[in-house]
Amino acid sequence: MYDSILLPTDGSEGVERATEHAIETAERYDATLHVLYVVDSDVVNAYSGDEFVHEFEGVEQTLEDTGLEAVGDIAERAASAGVDEVVTEVVHGDPHEEILRYIDDEDIGLTVMGSKERSGDYRRMLGSVTERVARGSSRPVTIVKTSVA
């Protein structure tokens, strides 16, 4: 049914159930699992810097390292679970725009995303990457709810 599955991750524990679901689905359909981390350009651009941190060791490098670790960990889990092909990628930009671009560029059949349960005020003020992807994608998106403790 699906040849390729995308799991965008932010490296947080809130993506755990979505990760499990994506790995199980990729294994079931013998699909390629794509794992994507987006270094959020808004976070990088908003960082004013710190006189004690060298410019090349700042927030951008930290986020990139976090992303590489996150996609690497998921790739290892997927391989251990029997997923034959895993593609990992770390990109820079606006998260929902980069995810939508990746879906189109890589001809993704299914995207699996986590969604934390947040109050209505929080959602109204900040929105949700998951909601934006679900609304903007012309392909199936599975949202796996994760409650916040």
N, C-alpha and C. Protein backbone atom coordinates (compact mmCIF):
# COMPACT_ATOMS: atom_id res chain seq x y z
N MET A 1 0.82 -1.20 0.00
CA MET A 1 0.00 0.00 0.00
C MET A 1 0.86 1.26 0.00
N TYR A 2 1.92 1.29 0.83
CA TYR A 2 2.82 2.44 0.89
C TYR A 2 4.23 1.98 0.54
N ASP A 3 4.88 2.69 -0.38
CA ASP A 3 6.27 2.40 -0.71
C ASP A 3 7.23 3.22 0.13
N SER A 4 6.77 4.38 0.60
CA SER A 4 7.64 5.25 1.38
C SER A 4 6.84 5.94 2.48
N ILE A 5 7.46 6.00 3.64
CA ILE A 5 6.83 6.60 4.82
C ILE A 5 7.79 7.63 5.37
N LEU A 6 7.25 8.80 5.71
CA LEU A 6 8.06 9.87 6.29
C LEU A 6 7.71 10.04 7.76
N LEU A 7 8.75 10.10 8.59
CA LEU A 7 8.60 10.42 10.00
C LEU A 7 9.42 11.67 10.29
N PRO A 8 8.77 12.84 10.34
CA PRO A 8 9.49 14.04 10.78
C PRO A 8 9.67 13.95 12.31
N THR A 9 10.82 14.35 12.80
CA THR A 9 11.06 14.31 14.24
C THR A 9 11.66 15.61 14.71
N ASP A 10 11.36 15.95 15.96
CA ASP A 10 12.01 17.10 16.58
C ASP A 10 12.94 16.64 17.69
N GLY A 11 13.11 15.33 17.80
CA GLY A 11 14.02 14.77 18.79
C GLY A 11 13.45 14.70 20.19
N SER A 12 12.20 15.06 20.38
CA SER A 12 11.61 15.06 21.72
C SER A 12 10.96 13.72 22.03
N GLU A 13 10.69 13.51 23.32
CA GLU A 13 10.01 12.29 23.74
C GLU A 13 8.59 12.23 23.19
N GLY A 14 8.01 13.37 22.86
CA GLY A 14 6.65 13.43 22.35
C GLY A 14 6.47 12.74 21.01
N VAL A 15 7.56 12.41 20.34
CA VAL A 15 7.49 11.76 19.03
C VAL A 15 7.56 10.23 19.18
N GLU A 16 7.71 9.74 20.40
CA GLU A 16 7.94 8.31 20.65
C GLU A 16 6.85 7.43 20.05
N ARG A 17 5.59 7.73 20.32
CA ARG A 17 4.51 6.88 19.80
C ARG A 17 4.43 6.96 18.28
N ALA A 18 4.68 8.13 17.72
CA ALA A 18 4.69 8.28 16.26
C ALA A 18 5.83 7.47 15.66
N THR A 19 6.97 7.45 16.33
CA THR A 19 8.12 6.66 15.87
C THR A 19 7.77 5.19 15.82
N GLU A 20 7.19 4.69 16.89
CA GLU A 20 6.78 3.28 16.93
C GLU A 20 5.81 2.97 15.80
N HIS A 21 4.85 3.84 15.60
CA HIS A 21 3.85 3.63 14.56
C HIS A 21 4.49 3.64 13.16
N ALA A 22 5.38 4.58 12.91
CA ALA A 22 6.03 4.68 11.60
C ALA A 22 6.89 3.45 11.33
N ILE A 23 7.63 3.00 12.33
CA ILE A 23 8.48 1.82 12.15
C ILE A 23 7.63 0.59 11.89
N GLU A 24 6.57 0.40 12.68
CA GLU A 24 5.68 -0.75 12.48
C GLU A 24 5.03 -0.71 11.10
N THR A 25 4.63 0.47 10.65
CA THR A 25 3.99 0.60 9.34
C THR A 25 4.98 0.34 8.22
N ALA A 26 6.20 0.85 8.34
CA ALA A 26 7.23 0.60 7.32
C ALA A 26 7.55 -0.88 7.24
N GLU A 27 7.62 -1.53 8.38
CA GLU A 27 7.90 -2.97 8.40
C GLU A 27 6.74 -3.75 7.76
N ARG A 28 5.52 -3.39 8.11
CA ARG A 28 4.33 -4.09 7.60
C ARG A 28 4.25 -4.01 6.07
N TYR A 29 4.54 -2.84 5.51
CA TYR A 29 4.39 -2.63 4.06
C TYR A 29 5.71 -2.78 3.30
N ASP A 30 6.77 -3.17 4.01
CA ASP A 30 8.10 -3.28 3.39
C ASP A 30 8.44 -1.99 2.66
N ALA A 31 8.20 -0.88 3.35
CA ALA A 31 8.38 0.45 2.78
C ALA A 31 9.71 1.06 3.24
N THR A 32 10.19 1.99 2.46
CA THR A 32 11.35 2.78 2.87
C THR A 32 10.88 3.78 3.91
N LEU A 33 11.61 3.86 5.03
CA LEU A 33 11.30 4.83 6.07
C LEU A 33 12.24 6.02 5.92
N HIS A 34 11.65 7.19 5.75
CA HIS A 34 12.41 8.44 5.68
C HIS A 34 12.26 9.12 7.03
N VAL A 35 13.38 9.53 7.62
CA VAL A 35 13.35 10.21 8.91
C VAL A 35 13.95 11.60 8.69
N LEU A 36 13.18 12.63 9.00
CA LEU A 36 13.56 14.01 8.70
C LEU A 36 13.57 14.87 9.95
N TYR A 37 14.64 15.65 10.10
CA TYR A 37 14.74 16.64 11.17
C TYR A 37 14.97 17.98 10.50
N VAL A 38 14.20 18.99 10.91
CA VAL A 38 14.35 20.33 10.35
C VAL A 38 14.94 21.25 11.41
N VAL A 39 16.11 21.81 11.10
CA VAL A 39 16.69 22.84 11.95
C VAL A 39 15.87 24.10 11.69
N ASP A 40 15.12 24.52 12.69
CA ASP A 40 14.17 25.63 12.54
C ASP A 40 14.91 26.95 12.35
N SER A 41 14.80 27.53 11.17
CA SER A 41 15.51 28.78 10.87
C SER A 41 15.05 29.93 11.75
N ASP A 42 13.79 29.92 12.19
CA ASP A 42 13.30 30.99 13.09
C ASP A 42 14.04 30.95 14.42
N VAL A 43 14.31 29.77 14.93
CA VAL A 43 15.04 29.64 16.20
C VAL A 43 16.47 30.12 16.01
N VAL A 44 17.10 29.69 14.93
CA VAL A 44 18.47 30.08 14.65
C VAL A 44 18.57 31.59 14.49
N ASN A 45 17.66 32.19 13.73
CA ASN A 45 17.71 33.63 13.47
C ASN A 45 17.35 34.47 14.69
N ALA A 46 16.57 33.90 15.61
CA ALA A 46 16.16 34.65 16.80
C ALA A 46 17.25 34.66 17.87
N TYR A 47 18.21 33.76 17.77
CA TYR A 47 19.27 33.67 18.78
C TYR A 47 20.19 34.86 18.65
N SER A 48 20.30 35.62 19.72
CA SER A 48 21.08 36.85 19.67
C SER A 48 22.57 36.61 19.86
N GLY A 49 22.93 35.41 20.21
CA GLY A 49 24.34 35.10 20.42
C GLY A 49 24.72 35.27 21.87
N ASP A 50 25.90 34.83 22.17
CA ASP A 50 26.41 34.85 23.53
C ASP A 50 27.90 35.09 23.43
N GLU A 51 28.37 36.05 24.16
CA GLU A 51 29.79 36.38 24.03
C GLU A 51 30.71 35.24 24.45
N PHE A 52 30.16 34.23 25.15
CA PHE A 52 30.97 33.11 25.60
C PHE A 52 30.91 31.93 24.64
N VAL A 53 30.14 32.04 23.57
CA VAL A 53 29.99 30.96 22.61
C VAL A 53 30.52 31.43 21.27
N HIS A 54 31.44 30.68 20.70
CA HIS A 54 31.98 31.01 19.38
C HIS A 54 30.84 30.91 18.37
N GLU A 55 30.81 31.79 17.38
CA GLU A 55 29.70 31.83 16.43
C GLU A 55 29.48 30.51 15.71
N PHE A 56 30.52 29.71 15.53
CA PHE A 56 30.36 28.43 14.82
C PHE A 56 29.96 27.30 15.75
N GLU A 57 29.88 27.57 17.04
CA GLU A 57 29.49 26.55 18.00
C GLU A 57 28.18 26.92 18.68
N GLY A 58 27.40 27.77 18.06
CA GLY A 58 26.19 28.29 18.66
C GLY A 58 24.98 27.40 18.47
N VAL A 59 23.84 28.03 18.50
CA VAL A 59 22.56 27.33 18.50
C VAL A 59 22.36 26.50 17.23
N GLU A 60 22.79 27.01 16.08
CA GLU A 60 22.59 26.26 14.83
C GLU A 60 23.31 24.92 14.86
N GLN A 61 24.55 24.92 15.32
CA GLN A 61 25.31 23.66 15.40
C GLN A 61 24.69 22.72 16.42
N THR A 62 24.23 23.27 17.53
CA THR A 62 23.58 22.45 18.55
C THR A 62 22.32 21.79 18.00
N LEU A 63 21.50 22.56 17.29
CA LEU A 63 20.28 22.00 16.70
C LEU A 63 20.62 20.96 15.64
N GLU A 64 21.63 21.22 14.85
CA GLU A 64 22.02 20.25 13.82
C GLU A 64 22.52 18.96 14.47
N ASP A 65 23.32 19.08 15.51
CA ASP A 65 23.79 17.88 16.23
C ASP A 65 22.63 17.11 16.84
N THR A 66 21.67 17.83 17.41
CA THR A 66 20.47 17.19 17.96
C THR A 66 19.73 16.43 16.87
N GLY A 67 19.60 17.06 15.71
CA GLY A 67 18.91 16.42 14.59
C GLY A 67 19.62 15.17 14.11
N LEU A 68 20.93 15.24 13.97
CA LEU A 68 21.70 14.08 13.51
C LEU A 68 21.56 12.92 14.50
N GLU A 69 21.59 13.24 15.78
CA GLU A 69 21.42 12.20 16.80
C GLU A 69 20.01 11.61 16.75
N ALA A 70 19.01 12.47 16.60
CA ALA A 70 17.61 12.01 16.58
C ALA A 70 17.35 11.08 15.40
N VAL A 71 17.75 11.49 14.19
CA VAL A 71 17.48 10.66 13.02
C VAL A 71 18.32 9.38 13.07
N GLY A 72 19.54 9.46 13.61
CA GLY A 72 20.39 8.28 13.74
C GLY A 72 19.80 7.25 14.69
N ASP A 73 19.30 7.73 15.83
CA ASP A 73 18.68 6.82 16.81
C ASP A 73 17.47 6.11 16.21
N ILE A 74 16.63 6.85 15.50
CA ILE A 74 15.44 6.25 14.90
C ILE A 74 15.84 5.26 13.80
N ALA A 75 16.85 5.59 13.01
CA ALA A 75 17.32 4.68 11.96
C ALA A 75 17.80 3.36 12.56
N GLU A 76 18.52 3.44 13.67
CA GLU A 76 18.98 2.22 14.35
C GLU A 76 17.81 1.39 14.85
N ARG A 77 16.83 2.04 15.45
CA ARG A 77 15.64 1.33 15.93
C ARG A 77 14.90 0.66 14.78
N ALA A 78 14.76 1.38 13.67
CA ALA A 78 14.05 0.83 12.52
C ALA A 78 14.79 -0.39 11.96
N ALA A 79 16.10 -0.28 11.85
CA ALA A 79 16.89 -1.41 11.33
C ALA A 79 16.76 -2.62 12.26
N SER A 80 16.79 -2.38 13.56
CA SER A 80 16.63 -3.46 14.54
C SER A 80 15.26 -4.11 14.45
N ALA A 81 14.26 -3.35 14.05
CA ALA A 81 12.89 -3.86 13.94
C ALA A 81 12.64 -4.56 12.61
N GLY A 82 13.63 -4.52 11.71
CA GLY A 82 13.48 -5.23 10.45
C GLY A 82 13.15 -4.36 9.25
N VAL A 83 13.22 -3.05 9.39
CA VAL A 83 12.99 -2.16 8.24
C VAL A 83 14.26 -2.19 7.39
N ASP A 84 14.12 -2.60 6.14
CA ASP A 84 15.28 -2.80 5.27
C ASP A 84 15.94 -1.52 4.80
N GLU A 85 15.14 -0.50 4.52
CA GLU A 85 15.72 0.73 3.97
C GLU A 85 15.25 1.94 4.77
N VAL A 86 16.24 2.68 5.31
CA VAL A 86 15.97 3.89 6.07
C VAL A 86 16.81 5.02 5.49
N VAL A 87 16.16 6.14 5.22
CA VAL A 87 16.84 7.33 4.70
C VAL A 87 16.72 8.40 5.77
N THR A 88 17.85 9.01 6.13
CA THR A 88 17.82 10.08 7.13
C THR A 88 18.27 11.38 6.49
N GLU A 89 17.68 12.47 6.97
CA GLU A 89 18.03 13.78 6.41
C GLU A 89 17.83 14.86 7.47
N VAL A 90 18.78 15.79 7.52
CA VAL A 90 18.66 16.98 8.35
C VAL A 90 18.71 18.16 7.40
N VAL A 91 17.67 19.00 7.44
CA VAL A 91 17.59 20.17 6.57
C VAL A 91 17.35 21.42 7.42
N HIS A 92 17.52 22.58 6.80
CA HIS A 92 17.32 23.86 7.49
C HIS A 92 16.15 24.59 6.85
N GLY A 93 15.34 25.26 7.68
CA GLY A 93 14.24 26.05 7.14
C GLY A 93 13.07 26.10 8.10
N ASP A 94 11.93 26.47 7.56
CA ASP A 94 10.68 26.49 8.32
C ASP A 94 10.16 25.06 8.38
N PRO A 95 9.94 24.49 9.58
CA PRO A 95 9.61 23.07 9.68
C PRO A 95 8.47 22.58 8.79
N HIS A 96 7.31 23.22 8.85
CA HIS A 96 6.19 22.68 8.07
C HIS A 96 6.45 22.82 6.57
N GLU A 97 7.10 23.91 6.15
CA GLU A 97 7.39 24.09 4.73
C GLU A 97 8.39 23.05 4.23
N GLU A 98 9.40 22.77 5.04
CA GLU A 98 10.41 21.78 4.64
C GLU A 98 9.84 20.37 4.62
N ILE A 99 8.95 20.07 5.56
CA ILE A 99 8.30 18.75 5.57
C ILE A 99 7.44 18.59 4.33
N LEU A 100 6.63 19.59 4.01
CA LEU A 100 5.78 19.53 2.81
C LEU A 100 6.62 19.41 1.54
N ARG A 101 7.72 20.13 1.49
CA ARG A 101 8.62 20.06 0.33
C ARG A 101 9.20 18.64 0.21
N TYR A 102 9.60 18.08 1.33
CA TYR A 102 10.18 16.73 1.32
C TYR A 102 9.15 15.70 0.85
N ILE A 103 7.92 15.84 1.32
CA ILE A 103 6.84 14.93 0.91
C ILE A 103 6.72 14.92 -0.61
N ASP A 104 6.70 16.10 -1.20
CA ASP A 104 6.56 16.20 -2.66
C ASP A 104 7.81 15.74 -3.39
N ASP A 105 8.98 16.21 -2.95
CA ASP A 105 10.23 15.89 -3.64
C ASP A 105 10.54 14.40 -3.62
N GLU A 106 10.22 13.74 -2.51
CA GLU A 106 10.55 12.31 -2.36
C GLU A 106 9.38 11.39 -2.66
N ASP A 107 8.26 11.96 -3.12
CA ASP A 107 7.08 11.17 -3.47
C ASP A 107 6.65 10.26 -2.31
N ILE A 108 6.51 10.85 -1.13
CA ILE A 108 6.18 10.11 0.08
C ILE A 108 4.71 9.66 0.03
N GLY A 109 4.48 8.40 0.37
CA GLY A 109 3.13 7.85 0.35
C GLY A 109 2.34 8.15 1.61
N LEU A 110 3.02 8.15 2.77
CA LEU A 110 2.36 8.37 4.06
C LEU A 110 3.32 9.12 4.97
N THR A 111 2.82 10.13 5.64
CA THR A 111 3.60 10.84 6.65
C THR A 111 2.99 10.53 8.01
N VAL A 112 3.85 10.18 8.97
CA VAL A 112 3.41 9.89 10.33
C VAL A 112 4.01 10.94 11.24
N MET A 113 3.13 11.65 11.97
CA MET A 113 3.59 12.73 12.84
C MET A 113 2.99 12.62 14.22
N GLY A 114 3.76 13.04 15.20
CA GLY A 114 3.26 13.11 16.56
C GLY A 114 2.58 14.45 16.80
N SER A 115 1.67 14.46 17.77
CA SER A 115 1.00 15.70 18.14
C SER A 115 0.77 15.67 19.64
N LYS A 116 1.31 16.65 20.32
CA LYS A 116 1.12 16.76 21.76
C LYS A 116 -0.23 17.41 22.04
N GLU A 117 -0.88 16.94 23.08
CA GLU A 117 -2.14 17.56 23.48
C GLU A 117 -1.81 18.85 24.21
N ARG A 118 -2.27 19.95 23.67
CA ARG A 118 -2.02 21.28 24.25
C ARG A 118 -3.34 22.01 24.42
N SER A 119 -3.33 22.98 25.28
CA SER A 119 -4.55 23.75 25.51
C SER A 119 -4.92 24.55 24.26
N GLY A 120 -6.17 24.94 24.19
CA GLY A 120 -6.65 25.73 23.06
C GLY A 120 -5.91 27.06 22.91
N ASP A 121 -5.60 27.71 24.04
CA ASP A 121 -4.87 28.98 23.99
C ASP A 121 -3.49 28.79 23.37
N TYR A 122 -2.80 27.73 23.77
CA TYR A 122 -1.47 27.46 23.23
C TYR A 122 -1.56 27.28 21.71
N ARG A 123 -2.51 26.47 21.26
CA ARG A 123 -2.67 26.20 19.82
C ARG A 123 -3.04 27.46 19.05
N ARG A 124 -3.93 28.28 19.62
CA ARG A 124 -4.33 29.51 18.94
C ARG A 124 -3.17 30.47 18.78
N MET A 125 -2.31 30.54 19.78
CA MET A 125 -1.18 31.48 19.72
C MET A 125 -0.06 30.97 18.83
N LEU A 126 0.30 29.71 18.95
CA LEU A 126 1.49 29.21 18.27
C LEU A 126 1.21 28.27 17.10
N GLY A 127 0.04 27.68 17.06
CA GLY A 127 -0.25 26.74 15.99
C GLY A 127 0.51 25.45 16.19
N SER A 128 0.56 24.65 15.17
CA SER A 128 1.19 23.35 15.27
C SER A 128 1.77 22.97 13.91
N VAL A 129 3.01 22.51 13.92
CA VAL A 129 3.63 22.03 12.68
C VAL A 129 2.81 20.88 12.13
N THR A 130 2.39 19.98 13.00
CA THR A 130 1.60 18.82 12.57
C THR A 130 0.32 19.26 11.88
N GLU A 131 -0.38 20.22 12.47
CA GLU A 131 -1.63 20.71 11.86
C GLU A 131 -1.36 21.33 10.50
N ARG A 132 -0.30 22.11 10.39
CA ARG A 132 0.02 22.76 9.12
C ARG A 132 0.37 21.74 8.04
N VAL A 133 1.09 20.71 8.42
CA VAL A 133 1.43 19.66 7.45
C VAL A 133 0.17 18.90 7.04
N ALA A 134 -0.66 18.55 8.01
CA ALA A 134 -1.88 17.81 7.69
C ALA A 134 -2.79 18.61 6.76
N ARG A 135 -2.88 19.91 6.99
CA ARG A 135 -3.71 20.76 6.13
C ARG A 135 -3.08 20.98 4.76
N GLY A 136 -1.76 21.08 4.71
CA GLY A 136 -1.08 21.44 3.47
C GLY A 136 -0.70 20.28 2.57
N SER A 137 -0.74 19.07 3.09
CA SER A 137 -0.33 17.92 2.29
C SER A 137 -1.48 17.38 1.46
N SER A 138 -1.17 17.02 0.23
CA SER A 138 -2.18 16.39 -0.62
C SER A 138 -2.13 14.87 -0.49
N ARG A 139 -1.25 14.38 0.38
CA ARG A 139 -1.08 12.94 0.60
C ARG A 139 -1.46 12.59 2.04
N PRO A 140 -1.68 11.31 2.32
CA PRO A 140 -2.11 10.92 3.66
C PRO A 140 -1.13 11.31 4.76
N VAL A 141 -1.67 11.80 5.88
CA VAL A 141 -0.90 12.12 7.07
C VAL A 141 -1.60 11.44 8.25
N THR A 142 -0.86 10.61 8.97
CA THR A 142 -1.38 9.98 10.18
C THR A 142 -0.84 10.76 11.37
N ILE A 143 -1.75 11.19 12.25
CA ILE A 143 -1.35 11.93 13.44
C ILE A 143 -1.50 11.01 14.64
N VAL A 144 -0.39 10.83 15.35
CA VAL A 144 -0.37 9.96 16.53
C VAL A 144 -0.32 10.87 17.75
N LYS A 145 -1.38 10.85 18.55
CA LYS A 145 -1.48 11.72 19.72
C LYS A 145 -0.58 11.23 20.85
N THR A 146 0.04 12.18 21.50
CA THR A 146 0.87 11.91 22.67
C THR A 146 0.47 12.91 23.74
N SER A 147 0.09 12.44 24.92
CA SER A 147 -0.27 13.37 25.97
C SER A 147 0.99 13.91 26.62
N VAL A 148 0.90 15.14 27.10
CA VAL A 148 2.02 15.79 27.77
C VAL A 148 1.83 15.63 29.26
N ALA A 149 2.84 15.09 29.91
CA ALA A 149 2.74 14.87 31.37
C ALA A 149 3.07 16.13 32.12
